[in-house]
Amino acid sequence: MQHLYLTYNLNITQDNQMLLTEAKQSIFDVLSKISSCELGEIGDNTNLIEGGYLDSLDSMTFVFELENKLGIKFPEKILFDESFFQISFLTNCVVTLKGL
């Protein structure tokens, strides 16, 4: 599957670092609400599906809850990217969409 990347240009300033931190925290908040797994150590390269944190039904609920929490809408093409549920990719998507 071809990767679909959102284009973003983040200079890591204090404000951008705060956005990344807030995005990651929102992801973890929604994940802890949805997932029945113990979250433990989740790094930037963790894929939430492959890591067993979300199944197919949970993944749809996760996207819905995250969109509602943050007031964003993920483009449909992004949802089918094989990297979508990887923490780093998901965090960058959130930051990009919040910045639009």
Protein backbone atom coordinates (compact mmCIF):
# COMPACT_ATOMS: atom_id res chain seq x y z
CA MET A 1 0.00 0.00 0.00
CA GLN A 2 1.31 3.42 -0.89
CA HIS A 3 1.86 5.77 2.05
CA LEU A 4 -0.21 8.94 2.05
CA TYR A 5 1.59 11.59 4.02
CA LEU A 6 0.15 14.85 5.21
CA THR A 7 2.59 17.58 4.41
CA TYR A 8 3.58 19.56 7.40
CA ASN A 9 6.44 21.80 8.21
CA LEU A 10 7.07 21.90 11.93
CA ASN A 11 9.96 23.79 13.35
CA ILE A 12 10.36 22.36 16.81
CA THR A 13 9.69 25.46 18.83
CA GLN A 14 8.31 25.50 22.32
CA ASP A 15 4.79 26.06 20.89
CA ASN A 16 5.11 23.17 18.44
CA GLN A 17 6.51 20.89 21.12
CA MET A 18 3.48 21.80 23.24
CA LEU A 19 1.17 20.89 20.32
CA LEU A 20 2.92 17.54 19.89
CA THR A 21 2.65 16.84 23.62
CA GLU A 22 -1.03 17.81 23.72
CA ALA A 23 -1.79 15.71 20.62
CA LYS A 24 -0.05 12.69 22.10
CA GLN A 25 -1.86 13.16 25.42
CA SER A 26 -5.23 13.32 23.63
CA ILE A 27 -4.39 10.12 21.75
CA PHE A 28 -3.49 8.34 24.99
CA ASP A 29 -6.62 9.68 26.76
CA VAL A 30 -8.89 8.29 24.06
CA LEU A 31 -6.90 5.06 23.84
CA SER A 32 -7.17 4.45 27.58
CA LYS A 33 -10.93 5.01 27.34
CA ILE A 34 -11.38 2.59 24.42
CA SER A 35 -8.76 -0.15 24.84
CA SER A 36 -9.25 -3.03 27.23
CA CYS A 37 -5.49 -3.73 27.17
CA GLU A 38 -3.04 -2.46 29.73
CA LEU A 39 -1.26 0.36 27.92
CA GLY A 40 2.20 0.05 29.44
CA GLU A 41 5.05 1.37 27.32
CA ILE A 42 3.82 2.87 24.08
CA GLY A 43 6.44 4.63 21.98
CA ASP A 44 6.32 6.74 18.85
CA ASN A 45 6.84 3.68 16.65
CA THR A 46 4.07 1.66 18.29
CA ASN A 47 1.28 0.64 15.94
CA LEU A 48 -1.94 0.42 17.95
CA ILE A 49 -3.46 -2.31 15.75
CA GLU A 50 -0.34 -4.47 15.36
CA GLY A 51 0.46 -4.03 19.07
CA GLY A 52 -2.96 -5.42 20.00
CA TYR A 53 -4.18 -2.22 21.67
CA LEU A 54 -7.10 -1.86 19.22
CA ASP A 55 -9.09 -4.36 17.19
CA SER A 56 -11.06 -3.42 14.07
CA LEU A 57 -14.18 -2.28 15.96
CA ASP A 58 -12.13 -0.44 18.58
CA SER A 59 -10.20 1.33 15.82
CA MET A 60 -13.39 2.86 14.40
CA THR A 61 -14.51 3.93 17.85
CA PHE A 62 -11.04 5.34 18.56
CA VAL A 63 -11.11 7.51 15.41
CA PHE A 64 -14.64 8.74 16.17
CA GLU A 65 -13.77 9.60 19.79
CA LEU A 66 -10.50 11.31 18.84
CA GLU A 67 -12.18 13.42 16.16
CA ASN A 68 -14.88 14.47 18.62
CA LYS A 69 -12.43 15.24 21.41
CA LEU A 70 -10.23 17.41 19.21
CA GLY A 71 -12.84 18.89 16.87
CA ILE A 72 -11.08 17.57 13.76
CA LYS A 73 -11.99 15.31 10.86
CA PHE A 74 -9.40 12.94 9.42
CA PRO A 75 -9.41 12.82 5.60
CA GLU A 76 -10.75 9.45 4.44
CA LYS A 77 -7.57 8.65 2.48
CA ILE A 78 -5.49 9.00 5.64
CA LEU A 79 -7.64 6.48 7.50
CA PHE A 80 -6.60 3.75 5.06
CA ASP A 81 -2.86 4.45 5.28
CA GLU A 82 -1.10 1.45 6.83
CA SER A 83 0.76 3.82 9.16
CA PHE A 84 -2.34 5.62 10.43
CA PHE A 85 -2.38 3.84 13.80
CA GLN A 86 1.33 4.35 14.41
CA ILE A 87 1.70 6.88 17.24
CA SER A 88 4.15 9.19 15.43
CA PHE A 89 2.07 9.29 12.23
CA LEU A 90 -1.17 9.79 14.15
CA THR A 91 0.37 12.55 16.29
CA ASN A 92 1.62 14.40 13.21
CA CYS A 93 -1.81 14.10 11.58
CA VAL A 94 -3.48 15.58 14.67
CA VAL A 95 -1.00 18.46 14.90
CA THR A 96 -1.37 19.20 11.20
CA LEU A 97 -5.17 19.14 11.28
CA LYS A 98 -5.33 21.25 14.44
CA GLY A 99 -3.05 23.81 12.77
CA LEU A 100 -5.27 24.25 9.70
